N, C-alpha and C. Protein backbone atom coordinates (compact mmCIF):
# COMPACT_ATOMS: atom_id res chain seq x y z
N MET A 1 -55.73 33.92 -93.38
CA MET A 1 -56.94 34.48 -93.91
C MET A 1 -58.10 33.64 -93.37
N LEU A 2 -59.13 34.33 -92.92
CA LEU A 2 -60.32 33.63 -92.43
C LEU A 2 -61.33 33.51 -93.56
N LEU A 3 -61.75 32.28 -93.82
CA LEU A 3 -62.82 32.04 -94.77
C LEU A 3 -63.99 31.40 -94.05
N LEU A 4 -65.18 31.74 -94.51
CA LEU A 4 -66.42 31.22 -93.95
C LEU A 4 -67.18 30.49 -95.05
N ARG A 5 -67.79 29.36 -94.72
CA ARG A 5 -68.58 28.62 -95.70
C ARG A 5 -70.06 28.97 -95.51
N ARG A 6 -70.66 29.45 -96.58
CA ARG A 6 -72.06 29.87 -96.53
C ARG A 6 -72.98 28.67 -96.38
N THR A 7 -73.89 28.77 -95.45
CA THR A 7 -74.87 27.71 -95.23
C THR A 7 -75.75 27.54 -96.46
N LEU A 8 -76.10 28.63 -97.09
CA LEU A 8 -77.02 28.65 -98.22
C LEU A 8 -76.58 27.77 -99.38
N ASP A 9 -75.30 27.85 -99.75
CA ASP A 9 -74.87 27.17 -100.97
C ASP A 9 -73.49 26.50 -100.88
N GLY A 10 -72.88 26.55 -99.70
CA GLY A 10 -71.59 25.90 -99.52
C GLY A 10 -70.40 26.63 -100.09
N LEU A 11 -70.60 27.85 -100.60
CA LEU A 11 -69.48 28.61 -101.14
C LEU A 11 -68.66 29.23 -100.02
N TRP A 12 -67.35 29.30 -100.23
CA TRP A 12 -66.44 29.91 -99.25
C TRP A 12 -66.25 31.36 -99.60
N GLN A 13 -66.18 32.20 -98.58
CA GLN A 13 -65.98 33.63 -98.74
C GLN A 13 -65.42 34.22 -97.47
N GLY A 14 -65.01 35.46 -97.55
CA GLY A 14 -64.69 36.21 -96.34
C GLY A 14 -65.98 36.77 -95.78
N VAL A 15 -65.87 37.61 -94.79
CA VAL A 15 -67.05 38.29 -94.26
C VAL A 15 -67.59 39.18 -95.35
N THR A 16 -68.89 39.14 -95.57
CA THR A 16 -69.52 40.01 -96.57
C THR A 16 -70.80 40.59 -96.01
N GLY A 17 -71.26 41.63 -96.64
CA GLY A 17 -72.51 42.24 -96.24
C GLY A 17 -72.59 43.65 -96.78
N ALA A 18 -73.68 44.29 -96.48
CA ALA A 18 -73.92 45.64 -96.97
C ALA A 18 -74.12 46.59 -95.80
N PRO A 19 -73.73 47.85 -96.00
CA PRO A 19 -74.01 48.82 -94.93
C PRO A 19 -75.51 49.03 -94.78
N GLU A 20 -75.92 49.25 -93.57
CA GLU A 20 -77.32 49.58 -93.31
C GLU A 20 -77.53 51.06 -93.58
N PRO A 21 -78.77 51.49 -93.75
CA PRO A 21 -79.02 52.92 -93.99
C PRO A 21 -78.34 53.77 -92.91
N GLY A 22 -77.61 54.79 -93.37
CA GLY A 22 -76.91 55.68 -92.46
C GLY A 22 -75.51 55.24 -92.09
N GLU A 23 -75.11 54.03 -92.46
CA GLU A 23 -73.77 53.54 -92.18
C GLU A 23 -72.84 53.82 -93.35
N SER A 24 -71.59 54.12 -93.05
CA SER A 24 -70.57 54.16 -94.10
C SER A 24 -70.18 52.73 -94.44
N ASP A 25 -69.45 52.56 -95.53
CA ASP A 25 -68.94 51.22 -95.87
C ASP A 25 -68.08 50.67 -94.73
N LEU A 26 -67.24 51.52 -94.14
CA LEU A 26 -66.37 51.09 -93.04
C LEU A 26 -67.19 50.67 -91.83
N GLU A 27 -68.17 51.47 -91.46
CA GLU A 27 -69.02 51.11 -90.31
C GLU A 27 -69.76 49.81 -90.57
N GLY A 28 -70.25 49.63 -91.79
CA GLY A 28 -70.92 48.39 -92.14
C GLY A 28 -69.99 47.20 -92.08
N ALA A 29 -68.75 47.39 -92.51
CA ALA A 29 -67.77 46.30 -92.47
C ALA A 29 -67.48 45.88 -91.03
N VAL A 30 -67.30 46.86 -90.15
CA VAL A 30 -67.04 46.55 -88.73
C VAL A 30 -68.22 45.78 -88.14
N ARG A 31 -69.45 46.23 -88.43
CA ARG A 31 -70.64 45.56 -87.91
C ARG A 31 -70.75 44.14 -88.47
N GLU A 32 -70.53 43.97 -89.78
CA GLU A 32 -70.64 42.65 -90.39
C GLU A 32 -69.62 41.68 -89.80
N VAL A 33 -68.39 42.14 -89.58
CA VAL A 33 -67.39 41.27 -88.96
C VAL A 33 -67.86 40.83 -87.58
N ARG A 34 -68.37 41.76 -86.80
CA ARG A 34 -68.86 41.43 -85.45
C ARG A 34 -70.02 40.43 -85.52
N GLU A 35 -70.98 40.69 -86.43
CA GLU A 35 -72.15 39.81 -86.54
C GLU A 35 -71.78 38.41 -87.03
N GLU A 36 -70.85 38.32 -87.97
CA GLU A 36 -70.55 37.03 -88.60
C GLU A 36 -69.46 36.24 -87.89
N THR A 37 -68.64 36.92 -87.05
CA THR A 37 -67.51 36.22 -86.42
C THR A 37 -67.38 36.45 -84.93
N GLY A 38 -68.01 37.50 -84.41
CA GLY A 38 -67.84 37.86 -83.01
C GLY A 38 -66.61 38.71 -82.75
N PHE A 39 -65.79 38.98 -83.77
CA PHE A 39 -64.58 39.79 -83.59
C PHE A 39 -64.92 41.27 -83.63
N ASP A 40 -64.32 42.05 -82.73
CA ASP A 40 -64.42 43.51 -82.77
C ASP A 40 -63.16 44.02 -83.45
N VAL A 41 -63.30 44.49 -84.69
CA VAL A 41 -62.14 44.92 -85.46
C VAL A 41 -62.11 46.44 -85.66
N GLY A 42 -62.88 47.15 -84.85
CA GLY A 42 -62.98 48.60 -85.01
C GLY A 42 -61.64 49.31 -85.03
N GLY A 43 -60.66 48.82 -84.30
CA GLY A 43 -59.37 49.49 -84.25
C GLY A 43 -58.36 49.00 -85.27
N THR A 44 -58.67 47.92 -85.99
CA THR A 44 -57.67 47.35 -86.90
C THR A 44 -58.12 47.30 -88.35
N ILE A 45 -59.37 47.60 -88.63
CA ILE A 45 -59.87 47.45 -90.00
C ILE A 45 -59.40 48.61 -90.88
N GLU A 46 -59.05 48.26 -92.12
CA GLU A 46 -58.58 49.26 -93.08
C GLU A 46 -59.14 48.96 -94.46
N PRO A 47 -59.48 50.00 -95.21
CA PRO A 47 -59.88 49.78 -96.61
C PRO A 47 -58.69 49.26 -97.40
N LEU A 48 -58.95 48.34 -98.31
CA LEU A 48 -57.88 47.81 -99.17
C LEU A 48 -57.66 48.69 -100.40
N GLY A 49 -58.59 49.59 -100.69
CA GLY A 49 -58.46 50.41 -101.89
C GLY A 49 -58.79 49.63 -103.15
N PHE A 50 -59.53 48.56 -103.00
CA PHE A 50 -59.96 47.74 -104.14
C PHE A 50 -61.47 47.62 -104.07
N ALA A 51 -62.14 48.13 -105.07
CA ALA A 51 -63.60 48.06 -105.15
C ALA A 51 -63.97 47.54 -106.53
N TYR A 52 -65.14 46.95 -106.62
CA TYR A 52 -65.58 46.40 -107.89
C TYR A 52 -67.10 46.32 -107.92
N SER A 53 -67.63 46.12 -109.10
CA SER A 53 -69.07 45.96 -109.30
C SER A 53 -69.30 44.73 -110.17
N PHE A 54 -70.44 44.09 -109.97
CA PHE A 54 -70.78 42.96 -110.82
C PHE A 54 -72.30 42.82 -110.89
N PRO A 55 -72.80 42.29 -111.99
CA PRO A 55 -74.24 42.06 -112.10
C PRO A 55 -74.65 40.92 -111.18
N VAL A 56 -75.84 41.03 -110.62
CA VAL A 56 -76.36 39.96 -109.76
C VAL A 56 -76.63 38.74 -110.63
N PRO A 57 -75.97 37.62 -110.35
CA PRO A 57 -76.25 36.40 -111.12
C PRO A 57 -77.69 35.95 -110.88
N ASP A 58 -78.34 35.46 -111.92
CA ASP A 58 -79.73 35.02 -111.81
C ASP A 58 -79.94 34.06 -110.64
N ALA A 59 -78.97 33.17 -110.42
CA ALA A 59 -79.11 32.17 -109.36
C ALA A 59 -79.15 32.79 -107.96
N PHE A 60 -78.68 34.04 -107.83
CA PHE A 60 -78.64 34.70 -106.53
C PHE A 60 -79.61 35.87 -106.42
N ALA A 61 -80.39 36.13 -107.46
CA ALA A 61 -81.28 37.30 -107.48
C ALA A 61 -82.26 37.31 -106.31
N ARG A 62 -82.70 36.15 -105.87
CA ARG A 62 -83.67 36.08 -104.77
C ARG A 62 -83.11 36.59 -103.44
N LEU A 63 -81.79 36.72 -103.35
CA LEU A 63 -81.16 37.16 -102.12
C LEU A 63 -81.13 38.68 -101.99
N TYR A 64 -81.49 39.39 -103.06
CA TYR A 64 -81.41 40.84 -103.08
C TYR A 64 -82.80 41.46 -103.22
N ALA A 65 -82.89 42.72 -102.87
CA ALA A 65 -84.17 43.43 -102.98
C ALA A 65 -84.59 43.50 -104.45
N PRO A 66 -85.89 43.55 -104.69
CA PRO A 66 -86.35 43.68 -106.08
C PRO A 66 -85.72 44.90 -106.75
N GLY A 67 -85.30 44.72 -107.99
CA GLY A 67 -84.72 45.82 -108.75
C GLY A 67 -83.21 45.95 -108.62
N VAL A 68 -82.60 45.23 -107.67
CA VAL A 68 -81.14 45.29 -107.54
C VAL A 68 -80.54 44.44 -108.65
N GLU A 69 -79.79 45.10 -109.52
CA GLU A 69 -79.18 44.40 -110.65
C GLU A 69 -77.66 44.41 -110.61
N ILE A 70 -77.09 45.40 -109.92
CA ILE A 70 -75.64 45.55 -109.84
C ILE A 70 -75.25 45.62 -108.36
N ILE A 71 -74.20 44.91 -108.01
CA ILE A 71 -73.67 44.94 -106.65
C ILE A 71 -72.33 45.67 -106.70
N ASP A 72 -72.20 46.68 -105.84
CA ASP A 72 -70.94 47.40 -105.68
C ASP A 72 -70.31 46.92 -104.37
N GLU A 73 -69.05 46.51 -104.43
CA GLU A 73 -68.39 46.03 -103.22
C GLU A 73 -67.08 46.78 -102.99
N ALA A 74 -66.87 47.16 -101.75
CA ALA A 74 -65.61 47.71 -101.28
C ALA A 74 -64.97 46.64 -100.42
N THR A 75 -63.66 46.62 -100.36
CA THR A 75 -62.96 45.57 -99.61
C THR A 75 -62.17 46.17 -98.46
N PHE A 76 -62.07 45.39 -97.39
CA PHE A 76 -61.39 45.80 -96.17
C PHE A 76 -60.57 44.63 -95.65
N ALA A 77 -59.61 44.93 -94.81
CA ALA A 77 -58.84 43.91 -94.11
C ALA A 77 -58.74 44.32 -92.65
N ALA A 78 -58.67 43.33 -91.79
CA ALA A 78 -58.55 43.59 -90.35
C ALA A 78 -57.70 42.51 -89.71
N ALA A 79 -57.03 42.90 -88.65
CA ALA A 79 -56.28 41.94 -87.85
C ALA A 79 -57.14 41.53 -86.67
N VAL A 80 -57.04 40.26 -86.31
CA VAL A 80 -57.76 39.76 -85.13
C VAL A 80 -56.74 39.15 -84.18
N PRO A 81 -57.09 39.04 -82.92
CA PRO A 81 -56.13 38.48 -81.96
C PRO A 81 -55.72 37.05 -82.34
N PRO A 82 -54.43 36.74 -82.27
CA PRO A 82 -53.99 35.39 -82.61
C PRO A 82 -54.56 34.37 -81.63
N GLY A 83 -54.78 33.17 -82.16
CA GLY A 83 -55.22 32.08 -81.31
C GLY A 83 -56.71 32.05 -81.02
N ARG A 84 -57.47 32.96 -81.60
CA ARG A 84 -58.91 32.96 -81.38
C ARG A 84 -59.63 32.51 -82.63
N ASP A 85 -60.64 31.71 -82.45
CA ASP A 85 -61.49 31.30 -83.56
C ASP A 85 -62.76 32.12 -83.53
N PRO A 86 -63.37 32.30 -84.70
CA PRO A 86 -64.61 33.06 -84.75
C PRO A 86 -65.78 32.30 -84.13
N VAL A 87 -66.76 33.04 -83.71
CA VAL A 87 -68.06 32.47 -83.33
C VAL A 87 -68.96 32.81 -84.51
N ILE A 88 -69.17 31.83 -85.39
CA ILE A 88 -69.84 32.12 -86.66
C ILE A 88 -71.35 32.18 -86.48
N SER A 89 -71.96 33.01 -87.33
CA SER A 89 -73.41 33.19 -87.32
C SER A 89 -74.07 32.05 -88.09
N ARG A 90 -75.39 32.05 -88.09
CA ARG A 90 -76.14 31.01 -88.81
C ARG A 90 -75.97 31.12 -90.32
N GLU A 91 -75.45 32.25 -90.79
CA GLU A 91 -75.19 32.40 -92.23
C GLU A 91 -74.14 31.42 -92.71
N HIS A 92 -73.32 30.92 -91.78
CA HIS A 92 -72.20 30.07 -92.13
C HIS A 92 -72.22 28.80 -91.29
N ASP A 93 -71.67 27.72 -91.87
CA ASP A 93 -71.66 26.46 -91.12
C ASP A 93 -70.25 25.93 -90.87
N ASP A 94 -69.24 26.67 -91.34
CA ASP A 94 -67.86 26.25 -91.11
C ASP A 94 -66.94 27.44 -91.35
N PHE A 95 -65.72 27.33 -90.85
CA PHE A 95 -64.70 28.35 -91.10
C PHE A 95 -63.36 27.66 -91.24
N ARG A 96 -62.42 28.39 -91.87
CA ARG A 96 -61.05 27.90 -92.02
C ARG A 96 -60.11 29.10 -91.94
N TRP A 97 -59.02 28.92 -91.20
CA TRP A 97 -57.89 29.84 -91.29
C TRP A 97 -57.02 29.27 -92.38
N CYS A 98 -56.72 30.06 -93.41
CA CYS A 98 -56.01 29.55 -94.59
C CYS A 98 -54.82 30.42 -94.95
N SER A 99 -53.85 29.80 -95.58
CA SER A 99 -52.80 30.57 -96.23
C SER A 99 -53.42 31.29 -97.42
N LEU A 100 -52.70 32.23 -97.98
CA LEU A 100 -53.20 32.94 -99.16
C LEU A 100 -53.51 31.94 -100.28
N ALA A 101 -52.60 31.03 -100.54
CA ALA A 101 -52.79 30.06 -101.63
C ALA A 101 -54.02 29.18 -101.37
N ALA A 102 -54.18 28.71 -100.15
CA ALA A 102 -55.33 27.85 -99.83
C ALA A 102 -56.63 28.65 -99.92
N ALA A 103 -56.59 29.89 -99.49
CA ALA A 103 -57.80 30.73 -99.56
C ALA A 103 -58.19 30.96 -101.02
N GLU A 104 -57.22 31.27 -101.86
CA GLU A 104 -57.52 31.49 -103.28
C GLU A 104 -58.14 30.25 -103.92
N GLU A 105 -57.69 29.07 -103.53
CA GLU A 105 -58.24 27.83 -104.08
C GLU A 105 -59.70 27.61 -103.68
N ARG A 106 -60.06 28.04 -102.48
CA ARG A 106 -61.43 27.82 -101.97
C ARG A 106 -62.44 28.83 -102.49
N LEU A 107 -61.98 30.04 -102.81
CA LEU A 107 -62.92 31.10 -103.16
C LEU A 107 -63.52 30.87 -104.55
N PHE A 108 -64.81 31.09 -104.64
CA PHE A 108 -65.56 30.89 -105.88
C PHE A 108 -65.47 32.12 -106.79
N TRP A 109 -65.63 33.31 -106.20
CA TRP A 109 -65.71 34.54 -106.98
C TRP A 109 -64.31 35.07 -107.29
N PRO A 110 -64.03 35.37 -108.57
CA PRO A 110 -62.71 35.88 -108.94
C PRO A 110 -62.37 37.21 -108.25
N GLU A 111 -63.37 38.04 -108.00
CA GLU A 111 -63.12 39.32 -107.33
C GLU A 111 -62.63 39.10 -105.90
N ASN A 112 -63.13 38.06 -105.24
CA ASN A 112 -62.65 37.73 -103.90
C ASN A 112 -61.18 37.31 -103.94
N ARG A 113 -60.81 36.55 -104.96
CA ARG A 113 -59.40 36.16 -105.10
C ARG A 113 -58.54 37.39 -105.37
N ARG A 114 -59.03 38.31 -106.18
CA ARG A 114 -58.28 39.53 -106.47
C ARG A 114 -58.09 40.36 -105.20
N ALA A 115 -59.12 40.45 -104.36
CA ALA A 115 -59.00 41.19 -103.10
C ALA A 115 -57.90 40.58 -102.23
N LEU A 116 -57.80 39.26 -102.20
CA LEU A 116 -56.73 38.61 -101.43
C LEU A 116 -55.36 38.95 -102.00
N GLN A 117 -55.26 39.03 -103.31
CA GLN A 117 -54.00 39.39 -103.93
C GLN A 117 -53.60 40.83 -103.58
N VAL A 118 -54.59 41.72 -103.54
CA VAL A 118 -54.32 43.11 -103.14
C VAL A 118 -53.84 43.13 -101.69
N LEU A 119 -54.49 42.37 -100.83
CA LEU A 119 -54.06 42.29 -99.43
C LEU A 119 -52.64 41.73 -99.32
N ALA A 120 -52.36 40.67 -100.04
CA ALA A 120 -51.03 40.06 -99.98
C ALA A 120 -49.96 41.07 -100.41
N ALA A 121 -50.24 41.82 -101.46
CA ALA A 121 -49.29 42.83 -101.93
C ALA A 121 -49.06 43.89 -100.86
N ARG A 122 -50.13 44.31 -100.20
CA ARG A 122 -50.00 45.31 -99.14
C ARG A 122 -49.17 44.75 -97.99
N LEU A 123 -49.44 43.51 -97.60
CA LEU A 123 -48.71 42.91 -96.49
C LEU A 123 -47.22 42.75 -96.82
N SER A 124 -46.92 42.44 -98.07
CA SER A 124 -45.51 42.27 -98.45
C SER A 124 -44.76 43.60 -98.42
N GLN A 125 -45.47 44.70 -98.59
CA GLN A 125 -44.84 46.02 -98.53
C GLN A 125 -44.52 46.43 -97.10
N THR A 126 -45.25 45.89 -96.13
CA THR A 126 -45.04 46.27 -94.74
C THR A 126 -44.08 45.34 -94.01
N SER A 127 -43.69 44.23 -94.65
CA SER A 127 -42.77 43.32 -93.95
C SER A 127 -41.36 43.48 -94.42
């Protein structure tokens, strides 16, 4: 699992972002992966079928447009070529390839940990 450390606050997360106007969630996810890591995942990305909503925490309100109070997130997974490291954007200052257990330990948001569990369950069904 690839985790990225946010420059802003040092929190670890996967690739995140929002679709731009006119983009589907999937198109936005492909673009965000490319922007944040340099990986082109257009042929390997899949929805995880796990979505959630949460209120914008006061500490992060400045990062969102005025009036945004609820964030809706859809989750995706993608395969990248083995042996390649990401070229991270300025949004992040470090990255780690982690096992599921190590990734869960680093993630701050419980919904991010749940998304990893959904991915792990899917991967165990295909092996």
